[in-house]
Amino acid sequence: MRLELKGITKRFGTFTANDSIDLLVESGSVHALLGENGAGKSTLMNVLFGLYDADEGEILLDGEPANFVGPGDAMAAGIGMVHQHFMLVHPFTVAENVMLGHEDVRGPAKLLDLEAARAKVKEISDRFNFDVDPDAVIEDLPVGAQQRVEIIKALSRDAQVLILDEPTAVLTPQETDELLGIVKDLRDAGTAVVLITHKLREVKAVADTITVIRRGKVVGTAEPTASQEELASLMVGRDVSMTVDKEDATPGDVVLEVRDLAVVDEAGIARLNSVSFDVHRGEILAIAGVQGNGQTELTEALLGLEKATAGRAVLDGEIITGRSIKDVLMAGLGFVPEDRTEHGIVADMTIANNLILDLHDQPPYAKGVALQPGVIADEARKHVEAFDVRTTGIGQTAGSLSGGNQQKVVLARELSRPLKLLIASNPTRGLDVGSIEFVHKRIIAERDSGAGVIIVSSELDEVVALADRIAVMYHGDIVGIVPPDTDRDTLGLMMAGAHEEEAA
């Protein structure tokens, strides 16, 4: 199928998200769409998928105009989409989610054929090594597994055009390689693939054509032979460093002491098994591992979001396990959660109010029980400018921002107060290269100011670049703590469960 977008314009009030965009995607090709957060990439694909109506322009399929009233029309026309933000029904099982919209029925009574859906999920899961249980309930799955369900949904349909919106954001390096192999196989089978990603290495690995969007307009095209620096510069409109520039750490005394910390979930399953480690002032401890091996439970147990069933954590001499989240934050812990929409922002509140969630009852933002709107607004404008949050104003709701700009709001809030320890789970997920460079600098500055830092990242490149030490987790245990120059093969073996001595 030959897909052509001509003059697509999409406005939200006075804001133009897409400005006369032209795009041509040929059958049997991978077309990468690059751009900063808020550049309009996802909006453009949502227009193509029938989620938004274009204000101007047209969509052509094999030269014929197409008008999609909704996603059902797009899917019927042979277009599939894997969304950056999960489109799953949380109380439903994996199989039920996959069959939604194209339900199989059996018998005269036309009952839903869940067995067929289960078989389809299992076949795809086995074929691509996704390790997804068809009967698992979505709300019980970690973020990485939910992403794999989204991919299975798309692969279960015979799409001639497949849109992948940041599909590897929560995948391990091995899973990413497998997905890129799938993309190549789809291309070779004649499928047109539109790949939205900020990961330049992936673009160079699979793209046939690259289109760059900046502030709602197409600013250029490039070949995959272009260097990462050239692509990054085209994306953000300036030169961008692709390496993390940092001095060697000068660790101080222990700021966080974790001893025998354990978490058992409501079903009685151990998620964290007597984990012990220290974090020093002035160092970054990066936690690597396949998504779902206890990283989430560890960070949430430290904050108090998850109840520790055994062990303790001591922050600067003060026990923080068993205390309220507010107490832990006030003790000097900053927290960037894994899921920004669930735990990082209040979607219906303004950007200004989201920026003071930790400190809304503290001076200068409050006098007694009364908030100080003028102070809150002034500080919000400073943070929005400092963190380059793309917004129509500080009164805009946080939920209406793009995913990357929501992440910037969370980072601005947590990094704009004095901290003893910063915990950041996937702090650059969904961010463009310019924003990643900025966030990395801020994290390193936090380390250099004397704070301890824990980074949990599904990006092995990020782990290696930022870490002063790397702790590898597997099935709720830390299998080893190694230096950042440890080779990737050893790290990969440890992520698969080998202890440090075995991997070496």
Protein backbone atom coordinates (compact mmCIF):
# COMPACT_ATOMS: atom_id res chain seq x y z
CA MET A 1 0.00 0.00 0.00
CA ARG A 2 1.21 3.49 -0.89
CA LEU A 3 0.37 6.07 1.80
CA GLU A 4 0.46 9.78 1.09
CA LEU A 5 -0.36 12.71 3.38
CA LYS A 6 -0.84 16.04 1.62
CA GLY A 7 -0.92 19.39 3.41
CA ILE A 8 -2.10 17.97 6.75
CA THR A 9 -2.85 20.77 9.22
CA LYS A 10 -4.19 20.22 12.72
CA ARG A 11 -4.96 23.01 15.19
CA PHE A 12 -5.94 22.96 18.85
CA GLY A 13 -7.42 26.40 19.46
CA THR A 14 -4.74 28.91 18.48
CA PHE A 15 -1.98 26.26 18.61
CA THR A 16 -0.98 24.65 15.31
CA ALA A 17 0.31 21.15 16.01
CA ASN A 18 0.74 20.18 12.32
CA ASP A 19 1.38 22.82 9.67
CA SER A 20 0.84 21.69 6.05
CA ILE A 21 2.74 18.42 6.42
CA ASP A 22 3.46 16.24 3.39
CA LEU A 23 4.57 12.63 3.86
CA LEU A 24 4.98 9.71 1.45
CA VAL A 25 5.35 6.13 2.68
CA GLU A 26 5.87 3.33 0.15
CA SER A 27 5.01 -0.35 0.55
CA GLY A 28 7.91 -2.47 1.72
CA SER A 29 9.72 0.44 3.39
CA VAL A 30 10.39 1.80 6.86
CA HIS A 31 9.77 5.54 7.16
CA ALA A 32 11.15 7.07 10.36
CA LEU A 33 9.56 10.21 11.80
CA LEU A 34 11.91 12.22 14.02
CA GLY A 35 11.28 15.33 16.08
CA GLU A 36 11.39 16.93 19.50
CA ASN A 37 8.67 16.45 22.09
CA GLY A 38 5.63 18.43 21.04
CA ALA A 39 6.90 18.66 17.45
CA GLY A 40 3.67 17.09 16.19
CA LYS A 41 4.73 13.53 15.32
CA SER A 42 2.12 11.70 17.37
CA THR A 43 -0.58 14.23 16.42
CA LEU A 44 0.12 13.56 12.75
CA MET A 45 -0.16 9.81 13.26
CA ASN A 46 -3.36 10.25 15.29
CA VAL A 47 -4.82 12.11 12.30
CA LEU A 48 -3.78 9.24 10.05
CA PHE A 49 -5.30 6.68 12.44
CA GLY A 50 -8.64 8.49 12.63
CA LEU A 51 -8.31 9.68 16.23
CA TYR A 52 -8.19 13.34 15.13
CA ASP A 53 -9.82 15.11 12.21
CA ALA A 54 -7.45 17.19 10.11
CA ASP A 55 -8.41 20.86 9.69
CA GLU A 56 -6.81 20.87 6.26
CA GLY A 57 -5.21 18.40 3.84
CA GLU A 58 -5.99 14.87 2.72
CA ILE A 59 -4.92 11.24 3.12
CA LEU A 60 -4.39 9.09 0.04
CA LEU A 61 -4.14 5.29 -0.01
CA ASP A 62 -2.88 3.95 -3.33
CA GLY A 63 -3.79 7.29 -4.83
CA GLU A 64 -7.40 7.26 -3.61
CA PRO A 65 -8.69 9.75 -0.97
CA ALA A 66 -9.44 8.18 2.42
CA ASN A 67 -11.66 9.64 5.12
CA PHE A 68 -11.42 7.99 8.54
CA VAL A 69 -14.19 8.82 11.02
CA GLY A 70 -12.43 6.74 13.68
CA PRO A 71 -9.74 4.10 14.27
CA GLY A 72 -12.14 1.38 13.09
CA ASP A 73 -12.15 2.89 9.62
CA ALA A 74 -8.35 3.15 9.63
CA MET A 75 -7.94 -0.49 10.70
CA ALA A 76 -10.47 -1.62 8.10
CA ALA A 77 -8.38 0.19 5.49
CA GLY A 78 -5.27 -1.73 6.56
CA ILE A 79 -3.66 0.72 9.01
CA GLY A 80 -2.51 -0.44 12.45
CA MET A 81 -0.97 1.57 15.27
CA VAL A 82 1.01 0.88 18.43
CA HIS A 83 0.51 3.92 20.65
CA GLN A 84 3.14 5.49 22.88
CA HIS A 85 0.58 5.73 25.69
CA PHE A 86 -1.04 2.38 26.23
CA MET A 87 -4.57 1.91 24.87
CA LEU A 88 -5.45 -1.04 27.11
CA VAL A 89 -8.47 -1.87 29.29
CA HIS A 90 -6.84 -2.55 32.66
CA PRO A 91 -9.41 -4.97 34.19
CA PHE A 92 -9.39 -7.15 31.04
CA THR A 93 -6.99 -9.99 30.30
CA VAL A 94 -4.34 -9.88 27.60
CA ALA A 95 -6.45 -12.07 25.30
CA GLU A 96 -9.55 -9.92 25.83
CA ASN A 97 -7.58 -6.77 25.00
CA VAL A 98 -6.10 -8.28 21.87
CA MET A 99 -9.50 -9.38 20.54
CA LEU A 100 -11.19 -6.00 21.17
CA GLY A 101 -12.39 -4.53 17.90
CA HIS A 102 -12.10 -7.77 15.90
CA GLU A 103 -13.81 -10.32 18.10
CA ASP A 104 -13.97 -13.94 16.98
CA VAL A 105 -17.23 -15.76 17.67
CA ARG A 106 -18.23 -19.43 17.61
CA GLY A 107 -21.40 -21.49 17.45
CA PRO A 108 -24.98 -20.54 16.59
CA ALA A 109 -25.14 -18.33 19.69
CA LYS A 110 -22.10 -16.42 18.41
CA LEU A 111 -20.29 -16.52 21.71
CA LEU A 112 -16.95 -14.79 22.01
CA ASP A 113 -14.20 -17.25 21.10
CA LEU A 114 -11.69 -16.52 23.83
CA GLU A 115 -9.81 -19.73 23.04
CA ALA A 116 -9.02 -18.39 19.58
CA ALA A 117 -7.81 -15.13 21.11
CA ARG A 118 -5.66 -16.98 23.65
CA ALA A 119 -4.17 -19.11 20.89
CA LYS A 120 -3.39 -16.02 18.82
CA VAL A 121 -1.67 -14.29 21.76
CA LYS A 122 0.33 -17.41 22.57
CA GLU A 123 1.38 -17.92 18.96
CA ILE A 124 2.65 -14.35 18.57
CA SER A 125 4.19 -14.32 22.04
CA ASP A 126 6.06 -17.57 21.37
CA ARG A 127 7.11 -16.51 17.89
CA PHE A 128 8.71 -13.28 19.08
CA ASN A 129 9.68 -14.41 22.61
CA PHE A 130 7.47 -11.83 24.35
CA ASP A 131 6.72 -14.09 27.35
CA VAL A 132 3.15 -12.80 27.76
CA ASP A 133 0.46 -14.88 29.49
CA PRO A 134 -2.85 -14.64 27.54
CA ASP A 135 -4.82 -14.88 30.79
CA ALA A 136 -2.85 -12.23 32.72
CA VAL A 137 -4.87 -9.17 33.77
CA ILE A 138 -3.43 -5.96 32.32
CA GLU A 139 -3.45 -4.03 35.61
CA ASP A 140 -1.27 -6.74 37.16
CA LEU A 141 1.42 -6.49 34.47
CA PRO A 142 4.52 -4.27 34.68
CA VAL A 143 4.95 -1.47 32.16
CA GLY A 144 7.26 -3.46 29.89
CA ALA A 145 4.81 -6.34 29.60
CA GLN A 146 1.95 -3.93 28.84
CA GLN A 147 4.01 -2.49 25.98
CA ARG A 148 4.49 -6.00 24.58
CA VAL A 149 0.72 -6.52 24.69
CA GLU A 150 0.29 -3.39 22.57
CA ILE A 151 2.73 -4.78 20.04
CA ILE A 152 0.90 -8.13 20.02
CA LYS A 153 -2.37 -6.27 19.36
CA ALA A 154 -0.87 -4.66 16.28
CA LEU A 155 0.76 -7.86 15.05
CA SER A 156 -2.53 -9.76 15.40
CA ARG A 157 -4.03 -7.63 12.62
CA ASP A 158 -3.00 -7.84 8.98
CA ALA A 159 -1.98 -4.21 8.69
CA GLN A 160 -0.53 -3.03 5.39
CA VAL A 161 0.63 0.19 7.07
CA LEU A 162 1.89 -0.19 10.64
CA ILE A 163 2.54 2.90 12.80
CA LEU A 164 4.91 2.34 15.74
CA ASP A 165 4.90 5.27 18.17
CA GLU A 166 8.00 4.94 20.41
CA PRO A 167 7.59 1.14 20.44
CA THR A 168 10.85 0.35 22.24
CA ALA A 169 10.53 2.89 25.05
CA VAL A 170 10.28 0.15 27.70
CA LEU A 171 12.06 -2.73 25.99
CA THR A 172 15.43 -4.22 26.92
CA PRO A 173 18.28 -4.13 24.38
CA GLN A 174 17.60 -7.76 23.48
CA GLU A 175 13.86 -7.12 23.05
CA THR A 176 14.63 -4.02 21.01
CA ASP A 177 16.85 -6.03 18.68
CA GLU A 178 14.06 -8.60 18.32
CA LEU A 179 11.53 -5.87 17.52
CA LEU A 180 13.82 -4.29 14.95
CA GLY A 181 14.13 -7.73 13.39
CA ILE A 182 10.33 -7.90 13.26
CA VAL A 183 10.22 -4.47 11.60
CA LYS A 184 12.67 -5.67 8.96
CA ASP A 185 10.63 -8.83 8.38
CA LEU A 186 7.44 -6.79 8.00
CA ARG A 187 9.16 -4.50 5.52
CA ASP A 188 10.51 -7.43 3.53
CA ALA A 189 6.98 -8.90 3.42
CA GLY A 190 5.71 -5.68 1.82
CA THR A 191 4.33 -3.84 4.85
CA ALA A 192 4.81 -0.07 5.05
CA VAL A 193 6.11 0.84 8.53
CA VAL A 194 6.05 4.32 10.04
CA LEU A 195 8.47 4.42 12.98
CA ILE A 196 8.27 7.27 15.50
CA THR A 197 11.28 7.18 17.79
CA HIS A 198 13.86 9.45 19.39
CA LYS A 199 16.45 6.65 19.36
CA LEU A 200 18.75 7.50 16.50
CA ARG A 201 20.54 4.17 16.60
CA GLU A 202 17.24 2.40 15.85
CA VAL A 203 16.47 4.79 13.01
CA LYS A 204 19.84 4.14 11.43
CA ALA A 205 19.38 0.39 11.88
CA VAL A 206 16.04 -0.02 10.08
CA ALA A 207 14.91 3.19 8.33
CA ASP A 208 14.85 3.55 4.57
CA THR A 209 13.72 7.18 4.71
CA ILE A 210 13.82 9.73 7.53
CA THR A 211 11.54 12.78 7.83
CA VAL A 212 12.26 15.37 10.53
CA ILE A 213 9.51 17.53 12.05
CA ARG A 214 10.24 20.61 14.15
CA ARG A 215 7.50 22.71 15.76
CA GLY A 216 4.80 21.24 13.55
CA LYS A 217 6.59 21.59 10.21
CA VAL A 218 8.71 19.29 8.08
CA VAL A 219 12.22 20.75 8.20
CA GLY A 220 14.02 18.15 6.15
CA THR A 221 14.59 14.56 5.10
CA ALA A 222 17.70 12.46 5.55
CA GLU A 223 19.16 9.12 4.59
CA PRO A 224 19.98 6.54 7.28
CA THR A 225 23.64 7.02 6.36
CA ALA A 226 23.50 10.44 8.07
CA SER A 227 25.41 10.59 11.35
CA GLN A 228 23.62 10.69 14.69
CA GLU A 229 24.98 14.19 15.24
CA GLU A 230 23.53 15.36 11.91
CA LEU A 231 20.13 13.87 12.71
CA ALA A 232 20.11 15.33 16.21
CA SER A 233 21.02 18.78 14.91
CA LEU A 234 18.22 18.62 12.34
CA MET A 235 15.75 17.61 15.07
CA VAL A 236 16.49 20.39 17.55
CA GLY A 237 17.90 23.11 15.30
CA ARG A 238 21.28 23.30 17.03
CA ASP A 239 24.38 21.22 17.64
CA VAL A 240 23.81 18.47 20.22
CA SER A 241 26.43 16.44 22.08
CA MET A 242 25.74 12.72 21.76
CA THR A 243 28.02 11.77 24.65
CA VAL A 244 27.57 12.32 28.38
CA ASP A 245 30.32 14.67 29.53
CA LYS A 246 31.11 14.15 33.20
CA GLU A 247 34.05 14.17 35.55
CA ASP A 248 34.94 11.14 37.64
CA ALA A 249 32.83 10.86 40.77
CA THR A 250 34.23 11.77 44.16
CA PRO A 251 31.94 9.78 46.46
CA GLY A 252 31.48 10.88 50.04
CA ASP A 253 29.98 9.02 52.96
CA VAL A 254 26.92 6.76 52.71
CA VAL A 255 23.68 8.73 52.25
CA LEU A 256 21.36 5.73 51.73
CA GLU A 257 21.73 2.38 53.45
CA VAL A 258 19.40 -0.43 52.35
CA ARG A 259 19.44 -3.67 54.32
CA ASP A 260 17.47 -6.86 53.59
CA LEU A 261 14.61 -4.95 51.95
CA ALA A 262 11.81 -7.26 50.83
CA VAL A 263 8.43 -6.82 49.16
CA VAL A 264 5.70 -9.46 48.87
CA ASP A 265 2.64 -8.58 46.79
CA GLU A 266 -1.02 -9.15 47.70
CA ALA A 267 -0.97 -12.57 46.04
CA GLY A 268 1.91 -13.64 48.30
CA ILE A 269 4.50 -13.50 45.50
CA ALA A 270 7.94 -12.20 46.48
CA ARG A 271 8.84 -9.23 44.26
CA LEU A 272 11.95 -8.11 46.17
CA ASN A 273 14.18 -10.57 48.01
CA SER A 274 16.24 -9.19 50.92
CA VAL A 275 18.05 -6.58 48.82
CA SER A 276 21.00 -4.76 50.40
CA PHE A 277 23.19 -1.96 49.02
CA ASP A 278 24.57 1.50 49.80
CA VAL A 279 24.52 4.77 47.88
CA HIS A 280 27.15 7.40 48.60
CA ARG A 281 26.90 11.14 48.37
CA GLY A 282 28.22 12.34 45.04
CA GLU A 283 27.71 9.10 43.08
CA ILE A 284 25.21 7.66 40.61
CA LEU A 285 24.16 4.08 41.20
CA ALA A 286 22.40 2.85 38.04
CA ILE A 287 20.09 -0.16 38.27
CA ALA A 288 19.97 -2.31 35.15
CA GLY A 289 17.78 -5.28 34.40
CA VAL A 290 14.95 -6.57 32.28
CA GLN A 291 11.73 -4.70 33.06
CA GLY A 292 9.73 -6.44 35.77
CA ASN A 293 12.57 -7.87 37.86
CA GLY A 294 11.92 -5.86 41.00
CA GLN A 295 13.16 -2.42 39.99
CA THR A 296 9.71 -0.84 40.37
CA GLU A 297 9.09 -2.47 43.75
CA LEU A 298 12.51 -1.36 44.99
CA THR A 299 12.08 2.31 44.12
CA GLU A 300 8.47 2.42 45.32
CA ALA A 301 9.38 0.70 48.61
CA LEU A 302 12.05 3.36 49.22
CA LEU A 303 9.48 6.12 48.68
CA GLY A 304 6.69 4.36 50.57
CA LEU A 305 4.39 3.76 47.59
CA GLU A 306 4.96 0.03 48.11
CA LYS A 307 4.95 -1.50 51.60
CA ALA A 308 8.21 -3.18 52.57
CA THR A 309 7.49 -6.52 54.23
CA ALA A 310 10.98 -6.80 55.73
CA GLY A 311 14.22 -4.87 56.02
CA ARG A 312 14.84 -1.17 56.23
CA ALA A 313 16.18 1.86 54.38
CA VAL A 314 18.08 4.64 56.15
CA LEU A 315 18.43 8.07 54.51
CA ASP A 316 21.17 10.24 56.02
CA GLY A 317 20.80 8.47 59.38
CA GLU A 318 16.99 8.57 59.36
CA ILE A 319 14.89 5.41 58.89
CA ILE A 320 12.41 6.04 56.07
CA THR A 321 10.76 2.62 55.72
CA GLY A 322 7.29 2.57 57.23
CA ARG A 323 6.90 6.33 57.05
CA SER A 324 4.46 8.34 54.95
CA ILE A 325 5.36 9.43 51.43
CA LYS A 326 5.18 13.06 52.56
CA ASP A 327 7.66 12.38 55.37
CA VAL A 328 10.06 10.63 53.01
CA LEU A 329 9.93 13.50 50.51
CA MET A 330 10.49 16.04 53.27
CA ALA A 331 13.46 13.98 54.49
CA GLY A 332 15.19 14.94 51.23
CA LEU A 333 14.26 12.28 48.70
CA GLY A 334 13.33 13.30 45.15
CA PHE A 335 11.37 10.81 43.05
CA VAL A 336 10.82 10.59 39.29
CA PRO A 337 8.38 7.69 38.86
CA GLU A 338 8.36 5.04 36.17
CA ASP A 339 4.83 5.96 35.08
CA ARG A 340 4.55 9.73 34.90
CA THR A 341 0.82 9.75 34.12
CA GLU A 342 -0.07 7.48 37.04
CA HIS A 343 2.31 8.72 39.74
CA GLY A 344 4.08 11.80 38.36
CA ILE A 345 1.38 14.35 37.60
CA VAL A 346 -2.23 15.18 38.39
CA ALA A 347 -3.61 15.37 34.86
CA ASP A 348 -6.51 17.75 35.57
CA MET A 349 -4.39 20.24 37.52
CA THR A 350 -2.48 23.10 35.93
CA ILE A 351 1.21 22.97 35.20
CA ALA A 352 1.77 25.60 37.89
CA ASN A 353 0.06 23.50 40.56
CA ASN A 354 1.78 20.30 39.43
CA LEU A 355 5.11 22.03 39.95
CA ILE A 356 4.41 22.53 43.67
CA LEU A 357 2.80 19.19 44.57
CA ASP A 358 5.64 18.38 46.97
CA LEU A 359 5.71 21.83 48.56
CA HIS A 360 2.19 23.24 48.23
CA ASP A 361 1.85 23.70 52.00
CA GLN A 362 5.34 25.18 52.49
CA PRO A 363 6.57 28.80 52.25
CA PRO A 364 6.79 30.67 49.96
CA TYR A 365 3.96 28.88 48.16
CA ALA A 366 1.65 29.02 51.17
CA LYS A 367 1.02 31.23 54.19
CA GLY A 368 -0.79 29.12 56.72
CA VAL A 369 -3.64 27.45 54.82
CA ALA A 370 -3.66 30.05 52.02
CA LEU A 371 -1.83 29.47 48.74
CA GLN A 372 0.15 32.35 47.22
CA PRO A 373 -0.92 32.39 43.52
CA GLY A 374 1.51 35.12 42.51
CA VAL A 375 4.53 33.29 43.91
CA ILE A 376 3.35 29.98 42.45
CA ALA A 377 2.93 31.55 39.01
CA ASP A 378 6.33 33.29 39.08
CA GLU A 379 8.14 30.09 40.08
CA ALA A 380 6.21 28.05 37.51
CA ARG A 381 7.27 30.39 34.69
CA LYS A 382 10.91 30.04 35.77
CA HIS A 383 10.70 26.24 35.79
CA VAL A 384 8.87 26.09 32.44
CA GLU A 385 11.59 28.22 30.86
CA ALA A 386 14.47 26.40 32.55
CA PHE A 387 13.21 22.97 31.50
CA ASP A 388 11.90 24.07 28.09
CA VAL A 389 8.37 22.80 28.71
CA ARG A 390 6.42 23.29 25.46
CA THR A 391 3.12 24.75 26.61
CA THR A 392 0.56 27.43 25.82
CA GLY A 393 0.91 28.72 29.38
CA ILE A 394 1.32 27.67 33.01
CA GLY A 395 -2.48 27.45 33.31
CA GLN A 396 -2.60 24.59 30.81
CA THR A 397 -3.50 21.25 32.38
CA ALA A 398 -0.61 18.81 32.72
CA GLY A 399 -2.68 16.03 31.15
CA SER A 400 -2.99 17.95 27.89
CA LEU A 401 0.80 18.10 27.41
CA SER A 402 2.72 15.66 25.24
CA GLY A 403 4.31 12.78 27.13
CA GLY A 404 7.78 14.27 26.96
CA ASN A 405 6.60 17.62 28.27
CA GLN A 406 4.79 15.90 31.14
CA GLN A 407 8.12 14.29 32.01
CA LYS A 408 9.79 17.69 31.99
CA VAL A 409 7.21 18.98 34.49
CA VAL A 410 7.99 16.07 36.83
CA LEU A 411 11.74 16.62 36.50
CA ALA A 412 11.40 20.37 37.04
CA ARG A 413 9.47 19.79 40.26
CA GLU A 414 11.83 17.17 41.69
CA LEU A 415 15.12 18.81 40.69
CA SER A 416 14.17 22.30 41.85
CA ARG A 417 14.43 21.64 45.59
CA PRO A 418 17.37 20.59 47.81
CA LEU A 419 17.81 16.81 47.77
CA LYS A 420 19.87 14.28 49.66
CA LEU A 421 18.91 11.48 47.30
CA LEU A 422 17.35 11.50 43.83
CA ILE A 423 15.61 8.36 42.54
CA ALA A 424 14.75 8.52 38.85
CA SER A 425 13.05 5.67 37.00
CA ASN A 426 13.52 5.94 33.24
CA PRO A 427 13.94 9.75 33.50
CA THR A 428 14.42 10.25 29.75
CA ARG A 429 11.72 7.87 28.50
CA GLY A 430 10.01 9.50 25.53
CA LEU A 431 12.34 12.50 25.44
CA ASP A 432 14.12 13.74 22.33
CA VAL A 433 17.90 13.95 22.10
CA GLY A 434 18.04 17.63 23.05
CA SER A 435 15.94 17.05 26.16
CA ILE A 436 17.93 13.92 27.05
CA GLU A 437 21.15 15.94 26.92
CA PHE A 438 19.60 18.51 29.26
CA VAL A 439 18.25 15.90 31.72
CA HIS A 440 21.59 14.08 31.85
CA LYS A 441 23.37 17.33 32.66
CA ARG A 442 20.89 18.04 35.48
CA ILE A 443 21.31 14.57 36.94
CA ILE A 444 25.09 14.86 36.86
CA ALA A 445 24.86 18.33 38.41
CA GLU A 446 22.76 16.79 41.21
CA ARG A 447 25.51 14.23 41.79
CA ASP A 448 28.22 16.86 41.69
CA SER A 449 26.33 18.96 44.24
CA GLY A 450 26.76 16.10 46.72
CA ALA A 451 23.45 14.27 46.45
CA GLY A 452 23.26 10.53 45.99
CA VAL A 453 21.51 9.41 42.81
CA ILE A 454 19.75 6.16 41.87
CA ILE A 455 18.90 5.79 38.20
CA VAL A 456 16.70 2.96 36.96
CA SER A 457 16.77 2.78 33.18
CA SER A 458 15.74 0.34 30.49
CA GLU A 459 18.29 2.05 28.22
CA LEU A 460 21.61 0.24 28.60
CA ASP A 461 23.38 3.12 26.83
CA GLU A 462 22.02 5.49 29.46
CA VAL A 463 23.00 3.19 32.33
CA VAL A 464 26.58 2.89 31.09
CA ALA A 465 26.89 6.61 30.31
CA LEU A 466 25.60 7.91 33.65
CA ALA A 467 26.63 5.27 36.17
CA ASP A 468 29.48 5.38 38.61
CA ARG A 469 28.42 1.85 39.63
CA ILE A 470 25.87 -0.52 38.06
CA ALA A 471 23.62 -2.82 40.11
CA VAL A 472 21.99 -5.55 38.02
CA MET A 473 18.65 -6.97 39.14
CA TYR A 474 17.10 -10.33 38.29
CA HIS A 475 13.93 -11.83 39.81
CA GLY A 476 13.97 -9.46 42.76
CA ASP A 477 17.65 -9.90 43.62
CA ILE A 478 20.74 -7.83 42.97
CA VAL A 479 23.02 -10.34 41.23
CA GLY A 480 26.02 -8.03 41.28
CA ILE A 481 27.30 -4.46 41.44
CA VAL A 482 29.90 -3.71 38.76
CA PRO A 483 31.82 -0.71 37.34
CA PRO A 484 30.40 1.16 34.33
CA ASP A 485 33.14 -0.10 32.00
CA THR A 486 31.86 -3.67 32.36
CA ASP A 487 31.39 -5.09 28.87
CA ARG A 488 27.87 -5.47 27.49
CA ASP A 489 28.09 -9.24 27.15
CA THR A 490 28.74 -9.57 30.87
CA LEU A 491 25.92 -7.15 31.68
CA GLY A 492 23.60 -9.08 29.37
CA LEU A 493 24.41 -12.37 31.11
CA MET A 494 23.80 -10.78 34.50
CA MET A 495 20.46 -9.39 33.29
CA ALA A 496 19.58 -12.98 32.38
CA GLY A 497 20.32 -14.13 35.93
CA ALA A 498 24.05 -14.95 36.03
CA HIS A 499 25.83 -13.70 39.11
CA GLU A 500 28.79 -11.38 38.65
CA GLU A 501 31.40 -14.13 39.04
CA GLU A 502 29.57 -16.46 36.60
CA ALA A 503 29.07 -13.71 34.00
CA ALA A 504 32.72 -12.68 34.13
